[in-house]
Amino acid sequence: MPAFYQKVYRLLKKVPAGKVTTYKALAHTLGIRAYQAIGQAMRNNPYAPRIPCHRVIKSDGTLGGFMGKTRGPAIEKKKKMLEKEGIKFAGDKVQNFPKTLHKFNNNT
């Protein structure tokens, strides 16, 4: 497994249930601009759900992808997992976004 993926997964473990983060926020915290690389790490996550890739959404508050898909049953599963953790939706967007966004601190 690439060392980059391991860094992403360590960071993602810090996002608690009831919060979400974005591909962009993860990349920014890691000091990179490669948002798509974050998506690749999520797609290849062998530790789900212990490493909660379902908590990563797009910067516009929409769900983005899940299990390599951007629509259909996989996205419905992601939405249900987030709802079970207390995340509410208004249509296809996370309600009260970015209020539900996890804030990474400088020690992350």
C-alpha atoms as a PDB file:
ATOM      1  CA  MET A   1       0.000   0.000   0.000  1.00  0.00           C
ATOM      2  CA  PRO A   2       1.366   3.437  -0.911  1.00  0.00           C
ATOM      3  CA  ALA A   3       2.618   5.546   2.009  1.00  0.00           C
ATOM      4  CA  PHE A   4       0.365   8.357   0.756  1.00  0.00           C
ATOM      5  CA  TYR A   5      -2.736   6.208   1.283  1.00  0.00           C
ATOM      6  CA  GLN A   6      -1.596   5.420   4.817  1.00  0.00           C
ATOM      7  CA  LYS A   7      -1.302   9.157   5.560  1.00  0.00           C
ATOM      8  CA  VAL A   8      -4.794   9.759   4.198  1.00  0.00           C
ATOM      9  CA  TYR A   9      -6.271   6.912   6.258  1.00  0.00           C
ATOM     10  CA  ARG A  10      -4.575   8.083   9.485  1.00  0.00           C
ATOM     11  CA  LEU A  11      -6.041  11.536   8.945  1.00  0.00           C
ATOM     12  CA  LEU A  12      -9.491  10.234   8.049  1.00  0.00           C
ATOM     13  CA  LYS A  13      -9.663   8.168  11.257  1.00  0.00           C
ATOM     14  CA  LYS A  14      -9.874  11.503  13.100  1.00  0.00           C
ATOM     15  CA  VAL A  15     -13.233  12.405  11.537  1.00  0.00           C
ATOM     16  CA  PRO A  16     -15.856  11.399  14.129  1.00  0.00           C
ATOM     17  CA  ALA A  17     -19.314   9.998  13.481  1.00  0.00           C
ATOM     18  CA  GLY A  18     -21.766  12.827  12.852  1.00  0.00           C
ATOM     19  CA  LYS A  19     -19.170  14.875  10.968  1.00  0.00           C
ATOM     20  CA  VAL A  20     -17.947  14.860   7.386  1.00  0.00           C
ATOM     21  CA  THR A  21     -14.866  16.101   5.599  1.00  0.00           C
ATOM     22  CA  THR A  22     -14.143  16.831   1.970  1.00  0.00           C
ATOM     23  CA  TYR A  23     -11.618  15.553  -0.532  1.00  0.00           C
ATOM     24  CA  LYS A  24     -10.293  19.119  -0.665  1.00  0.00           C
ATOM     25  CA  ALA A  25      -9.989  19.458   3.140  1.00  0.00           C
ATOM     26  CA  LEU A  26      -8.048  16.204   3.377  1.00  0.00           C
ATOM     27  CA  ALA A  27      -5.723  17.269   0.567  1.00  0.00           C
ATOM     28  CA  HIS A  28      -5.247  20.733   2.076  1.00  0.00           C
ATOM     29  CA  THR A  29      -4.437  19.267   5.502  1.00  0.00           C
ATOM     30  CA  LEU A  30      -1.865  16.989   3.869  1.00  0.00           C
ATOM     31  CA  GLY A  31      -0.376  19.971   2.035  1.00  0.00           C
ATOM     32  CA  ILE A  32      -1.261  18.825  -1.470  1.00  0.00           C
ATOM     33  CA  ARG A  33      -3.634  19.900  -4.249  1.00  0.00           C
ATOM     34  CA  ALA A  34      -4.322  16.414  -5.574  1.00  0.00           C
ATOM     35  CA  TYR A  35      -7.977  16.036  -4.614  1.00  0.00           C
ATOM     36  CA  GLN A  36      -8.377  13.171  -7.070  1.00  0.00           C
ATOM     37  CA  ALA A  37      -5.573  11.315  -5.295  1.00  0.00           C
ATOM     38  CA  ILE A  38      -7.672  11.503  -2.134  1.00  0.00           C
ATOM     39  CA  GLY A  39     -10.533   9.946  -4.092  1.00  0.00           C
ATOM     40  CA  GLN A  40      -8.253   7.141  -5.250  1.00  0.00           C
ATOM     41  CA  ALA A  41      -7.237   6.464  -1.652  1.00  0.00           C
ATOM     42  CA  MET A  42     -10.917   6.284  -0.689  1.00  0.00           C
ATOM     43  CA  ARG A  43     -11.671   3.929  -3.583  1.00  0.00           C
ATOM     44  CA  ASN A  44      -8.838   1.613  -2.513  1.00  0.00           C
ATOM     45  CA  ASN A  45      -9.595   1.698   1.220  1.00  0.00           C
ATOM     46  CA  PRO A  46      -9.232  -1.903   2.472  1.00  0.00           C
ATOM     47  CA  TYR A  47     -10.099  -0.874   6.041  1.00  0.00           C
ATOM     48  CA  ALA A  48     -13.652   0.408   5.565  1.00  0.00           C
ATOM     49  CA  PRO A  49     -15.664   1.083   7.629  1.00  0.00           C
ATOM     50  CA  ARG A  50     -12.955   1.321  10.330  1.00  0.00           C
ATOM     51  CA  ILE A  51     -11.374   3.984   8.116  1.00  0.00           C
ATOM     52  CA  PRO A  52     -14.614   5.893   7.416  1.00  0.00           C
ATOM     53  CA  CYS A  53     -14.326   6.814   3.744  1.00  0.00           C
ATOM     54  CA  HIS A  54     -18.117   7.266   3.687  1.00  0.00           C
ATOM     55  CA  ARG A  55     -17.537  10.503   5.653  1.00  0.00           C
ATOM     56  CA  VAL A  56     -15.723  12.128   2.726  1.00  0.00           C
ATOM     57  CA  ILE A  57     -17.920  14.310   0.519  1.00  0.00           C
ATOM     58  CA  LYS A  58     -17.471  16.940  -2.161  1.00  0.00           C
ATOM     59  CA  SER A  59     -16.786  20.580  -1.284  1.00  0.00           C
ATOM     60  CA  ASP A  60     -20.262  21.563  -2.490  1.00  0.00           C
ATOM     61  CA  GLY A  61     -21.886  19.353   0.166  1.00  0.00           C
ATOM     62  CA  THR A  62     -22.932  16.562  -2.214  1.00  0.00           C
ATOM     63  CA  LEU A  63     -21.958  12.965  -1.624  1.00  0.00           C
ATOM     64  CA  GLY A  64     -19.359  12.457  -4.332  1.00  0.00           C
ATOM     65  CA  GLY A  65     -18.419   8.832  -4.875  1.00  0.00           C
ATOM     66  CA  PHE A  66     -18.483   5.625  -2.891  1.00  0.00           C
ATOM     67  CA  MET A  67     -17.158   2.165  -3.660  1.00  0.00           C
ATOM     68  CA  GLY A  68     -16.001   3.421  -7.045  1.00  0.00           C
ATOM     69  CA  LYS A  69     -19.486   4.634  -8.029  1.00  0.00           C
ATOM     70  CA  THR A  70     -21.030   8.089  -8.269  1.00  0.00           C
ATOM     71  CA  ARG A  71     -24.687   7.007  -8.359  1.00  0.00           C
ATOM     72  CA  GLY A  72     -26.946   4.082  -7.716  1.00  0.00           C
ATOM     73  CA  PRO A  73     -26.983   1.612  -4.804  1.00  0.00           C
ATOM     74  CA  ALA A  74     -23.456   2.465  -3.629  1.00  0.00           C
ATOM     75  CA  ILE A  75     -24.354   6.143  -3.162  1.00  0.00           C
ATOM     76  CA  GLU A  76     -27.603   5.202  -1.410  1.00  0.00           C
ATOM     77  CA  LYS A  77     -25.541   3.025   0.948  1.00  0.00           C
ATOM     78  CA  LYS A  78     -23.188   5.949   1.680  1.00  0.00           C
ATOM     79  CA  LYS A  79     -26.152   8.212   2.395  1.00  0.00           C
ATOM     80  CA  LYS A  80     -27.742   5.635   4.723  1.00  0.00           C
ATOM     81  CA  MET A  81     -24.460   5.175   6.597  1.00  0.00           C
ATOM     82  CA  LEU A  82     -24.194   8.933   7.131  1.00  0.00           C
ATOM     83  CA  GLU A  83     -27.840   9.207   8.179  1.00  0.00           C
ATOM     84  CA  LYS A  84     -27.284   6.449  10.734  1.00  0.00           C
ATOM     85  CA  GLU A  85     -24.498   8.629  12.175  1.00  0.00           C
ATOM     86  CA  GLY A  86     -26.815  11.628  12.442  1.00  0.00           C
ATOM     87  CA  ILE A  87     -26.062  13.455   9.197  1.00  0.00           C
ATOM     88  CA  LYS A  88     -29.197  14.945   7.653  1.00  0.00           C
ATOM     89  CA  PHE A  89     -29.792  15.709   3.996  1.00  0.00           C
ATOM     90  CA  ALA A  90     -31.656  18.356   2.042  1.00  0.00           C
ATOM     91  CA  GLY A  91     -32.106  16.738  -1.332  1.00  0.00           C
ATOM     92  CA  ASP A  92     -28.722  15.482  -2.477  1.00  0.00           C
ATOM     93  CA  LYS A  93     -26.699  17.744  -0.150  1.00  0.00           C
ATOM     94  CA  VAL A  94     -25.644  17.453   3.455  1.00  0.00           C
ATOM     95  CA  GLN A  95     -27.938  19.695   5.479  1.00  0.00           C
ATOM     96  CA  ASN A  96     -26.223  22.473   7.458  1.00  0.00           C
ATOM     97  CA  PHE A  97     -23.044  22.060   5.439  1.00  0.00           C
ATOM     98  CA  PRO A  98     -20.375  23.257   6.241  1.00  0.00           C
ATOM     99  CA  LYS A  99     -21.507  23.245   9.886  1.00  0.00           C
ATOM    100  CA  THR A 100     -21.113  19.450   9.900  1.00  0.00           C
ATOM    101  CA  LEU A 101     -17.598  19.734   8.463  1.00  0.00           C
ATOM    102  CA  HIS A 102     -14.850  18.324  10.686  1.00  0.00           C
ATOM    103  CA  LYS A 103     -12.118  20.863  11.370  1.00  0.00           C
ATOM    104  CA  PHE A 104      -8.587  19.469  11.357  1.00  0.00           C
ATOM    105  CA  ASN A 105      -6.213  21.195  13.750  1.00  0.00           C
ATOM    106  CA  ASN A 106      -2.593  22.156  13.108  1.00  0.00           C
ATOM    107  CA  ASN A 107      -1.334  19.096  15.000  1.00  0.00           C
ATOM    108  CA  THR A 108      -3.048  16.753  12.566  1.00  0.00           C
END
